[in-house]
Amino acid sequence: MVQRFFISVCVMVLSLLNYSGTNLYAQETSVSSLKQYIGQMPSELLKQEPKIQTRLQTLLGKEYERLQDRFAHELPIELYGDVLILRGEKPFTPGNPKAIVGIGLFTNKIHCALVENSGRSIFSEDAKKIPNEFNKFIIITDKRSQEETEKKKKAEAPAPEKK
């Protein structure tokens, strides 16, 4: 009898919270609304969605400064699979530092990679469930960087002498 009463009270409280507009399960930012930023610069998204910026600051801690430094040169936001990709880089800097932020549209989790030379640091709100699309994007970006570096080396190398 006491259990039924307790369950009834819990159901009523949850119903009241949902009815009053306070949804316990509501996400901080409507994930579907983030698609509107595709093609825009990351700074626009961060300006319009301050909760995402706060989550990034919490996720990265002291490393947030490195992210900001790399976002000095932004690239347009892309959708790669179900992950919104924000990128920034410091071209013409040794080590070609990059920052890649992925926001899972179904999970509403943020993942970040700070890349420099051949190393990278990965930060995630859910490290056990980093989307495959995010990992694939990082690998593709790494391959592009390697190819560009090889092209530059070939272009800078002196031409072999002809006899």
Protein backbone atom coordinates (compact mmCIF):
# COMPACT_ATOMS: atom_id res chain seq x y z
CA MET A 1 0.00 0.00 0.00
CA VAL A 2 2.83 2.42 0.90
CA GLN A 3 4.67 1.49 -2.29
CA ARG A 4 1.64 2.30 -4.45
CA PHE A 5 1.24 5.65 -2.72
CA PHE A 6 4.94 6.47 -3.22
CA ILE A 7 4.80 5.52 -6.91
CA SER A 8 1.63 7.60 -7.40
CA VAL A 9 3.26 10.64 -5.79
CA CYS A 10 6.38 10.26 -7.99
CA VAL A 11 4.26 10.03 -11.15
CA MET A 12 2.27 13.11 -10.15
CA VAL A 13 5.41 15.15 -9.42
CA LEU A 14 7.01 14.20 -12.74
CA SER A 15 3.77 15.01 -14.56
CA LEU A 16 3.57 18.41 -12.90
CA LEU A 17 7.17 19.20 -13.78
CA ASN A 18 6.60 18.30 -17.42
CA TYR A 19 3.30 20.19 -17.52
CA SER A 20 4.86 23.32 -16.03
CA GLY A 21 7.43 23.40 -18.80
CA THR A 22 10.31 22.08 -16.67
CA ASN A 23 11.31 18.93 -18.48
CA LEU A 24 13.90 17.00 -16.50
CA TYR A 25 15.17 15.33 -19.64
CA ALA A 26 15.42 18.40 -21.84
CA GLN A 27 18.75 18.93 -23.53
CA GLU A 28 20.55 22.20 -22.97
CA THR A 29 20.53 23.07 -26.66
CA SER A 30 18.12 21.75 -29.22
CA VAL A 31 20.38 19.48 -31.22
CA SER A 32 18.31 19.77 -34.38
CA SER A 33 18.66 23.56 -34.24
CA LEU A 34 22.44 23.21 -34.53
CA LYS A 35 22.09 22.14 -38.17
CA GLN A 36 21.30 25.76 -39.03
CA TYR A 37 24.98 26.59 -38.48
CA ILE A 38 26.26 24.35 -41.30
CA GLY A 39 28.39 26.52 -43.60
CA GLN A 40 28.82 29.24 -40.96
CA MET A 41 31.92 29.89 -38.90
CA PRO A 42 32.39 28.27 -35.47
CA SER A 43 32.54 31.68 -33.78
CA GLU A 44 28.93 32.32 -34.88
CA LEU A 45 27.73 29.10 -33.29
CA LEU A 46 29.65 29.77 -30.08
CA LYS A 47 28.32 33.33 -29.93
CA GLN A 48 24.72 32.22 -30.46
CA GLU A 49 24.96 29.10 -28.29
CA PRO A 50 26.84 30.17 -25.13
CA LYS A 51 25.99 26.90 -23.35
CA ILE A 52 28.10 25.01 -25.89
CA GLN A 53 31.00 27.40 -25.29
CA THR A 54 30.64 26.84 -21.53
CA ARG A 55 30.61 23.07 -22.03
CA LEU A 56 33.78 23.32 -24.15
CA GLN A 57 35.49 25.39 -21.45
CA THR A 58 34.52 22.80 -18.84
CA LEU A 59 35.65 19.92 -21.05
CA LEU A 60 39.03 21.41 -21.98
CA GLY A 61 39.92 23.29 -18.80
CA LYS A 62 43.31 24.97 -19.28
CA GLU A 63 43.51 23.63 -22.83
CA TYR A 64 40.62 25.89 -23.86
CA GLU A 65 43.17 28.63 -24.64
CA ARG A 66 44.79 26.32 -27.21
CA LEU A 67 41.39 25.80 -28.83
CA GLN A 68 40.77 29.54 -29.02
CA ASP A 69 44.25 30.09 -30.44
CA ARG A 70 43.59 27.57 -33.20
CA PHE A 71 40.15 28.96 -33.95
CA ALA A 72 41.82 32.25 -34.94
CA HIS A 73 41.57 30.86 -38.50
CA GLU A 74 38.18 29.18 -38.72
CA LEU A 75 36.81 26.90 -41.36
CA PRO A 76 33.08 26.60 -42.16
CA ILE A 77 31.05 24.18 -40.04
CA GLU A 78 30.38 20.84 -41.72
CA LEU A 79 28.07 17.91 -41.10
CA TYR A 80 29.95 14.63 -41.27
CA GLY A 81 27.52 11.78 -40.74
CA ASP A 82 25.63 12.66 -37.56
CA VAL A 83 28.38 14.88 -36.19
CA LEU A 84 28.59 18.64 -36.54
CA ILE A 85 32.26 19.51 -37.15
CA LEU A 86 33.83 22.82 -36.09
CA ARG A 87 37.44 23.40 -37.16
CA GLY A 88 40.18 25.88 -36.76
CA GLU A 89 43.87 25.86 -37.57
CA LYS A 90 47.02 27.93 -37.45
CA PRO A 91 48.38 27.78 -40.97
CA PHE A 92 52.01 28.63 -41.58
CA THR A 93 52.85 27.61 -38.01
CA PRO A 94 55.34 24.81 -37.28
CA GLY A 95 53.49 21.63 -36.46
CA ASN A 96 50.38 22.89 -38.28
CA PRO A 97 48.22 23.00 -35.11
CA LYS A 98 44.52 22.28 -35.57
CA ALA A 99 41.43 22.03 -33.41
CA ILE A 100 38.49 19.83 -34.34
CA VAL A 101 35.28 19.89 -32.32
CA GLY A 102 32.52 17.39 -32.97
CA ILE A 103 29.02 17.65 -31.58
CA GLY A 104 27.02 14.43 -31.82
CA LEU A 105 23.58 15.40 -33.08
CA PHE A 106 21.89 12.34 -31.57
CA THR A 107 23.89 12.20 -28.35
CA ASN A 108 24.38 15.95 -27.76
CA LYS A 109 27.90 15.15 -26.55
CA ILE A 110 30.93 17.26 -27.39
CA HIS A 111 34.25 15.77 -28.50
CA CYS A 112 37.43 17.72 -29.24
CA ALA A 113 40.79 16.93 -30.80
CA LEU A 114 43.78 19.25 -30.52
CA VAL A 115 46.22 18.17 -33.22
CA GLU A 116 49.85 19.21 -33.60
CA ASN A 117 52.60 17.56 -35.66
CA SER A 118 51.67 13.89 -35.63
CA GLY A 119 50.21 13.89 -32.11
CA ARG A 120 46.74 14.66 -30.84
CA SER A 121 44.92 15.12 -27.58
CA ILE A 122 41.32 13.92 -27.46
CA PHE A 123 38.75 15.31 -25.02
CA SER A 124 35.21 13.97 -24.77
CA GLU A 125 32.13 14.37 -22.65
CA ASP A 126 31.60 10.62 -23.16
CA ALA A 127 34.96 9.01 -23.90
CA LYS A 128 33.43 5.53 -24.21
CA LYS A 129 31.11 6.65 -27.01
CA ILE A 130 33.12 8.87 -29.33
CA PRO A 131 31.29 8.74 -32.68
CA ASN A 132 33.00 6.82 -35.47
CA GLU A 133 32.34 9.76 -37.78
CA PHE A 134 34.41 12.03 -35.53
CA ASN A 135 37.33 9.57 -35.48
CA LYS A 136 37.12 9.09 -39.27
CA PHE A 137 37.12 12.85 -39.81
CA ILE A 138 40.28 13.21 -37.72
CA ILE A 139 42.00 10.45 -39.71
CA ILE A 140 40.99 12.05 -43.03
CA THR A 141 42.27 15.41 -41.78
CA ASP A 142 45.57 13.80 -40.73
CA LYS A 143 45.99 12.21 -44.18
CA ARG A 144 45.30 15.54 -45.91
CA SER A 145 47.91 17.25 -43.74
CA GLN A 146 50.50 14.58 -44.49
CA GLU A 147 49.83 14.86 -48.22
CA GLU A 148 50.13 18.65 -48.11
CA THR A 149 53.40 18.42 -46.18
CA GLU A 150 54.82 15.95 -48.70
CA LYS A 151 53.80 18.22 -51.60
CA LYS A 152 55.50 21.20 -49.95
CA LYS A 153 58.69 19.20 -49.39
CA LYS A 154 58.75 18.09 -53.01
CA ALA A 155 58.13 21.64 -54.22
CA GLU A 156 60.91 23.02 -51.99
CA ALA A 157 63.42 20.31 -52.88
CA PRO A 158 65.98 21.30 -55.49
CA ALA A 159 65.37 19.82 -58.89
CA PRO A 160 67.78 17.04 -59.84
CA GLU A 161 70.47 18.10 -62.29
CA LYS A 162 70.12 16.78 -65.82
CA LYS A 163 73.18 15.50 -67.63
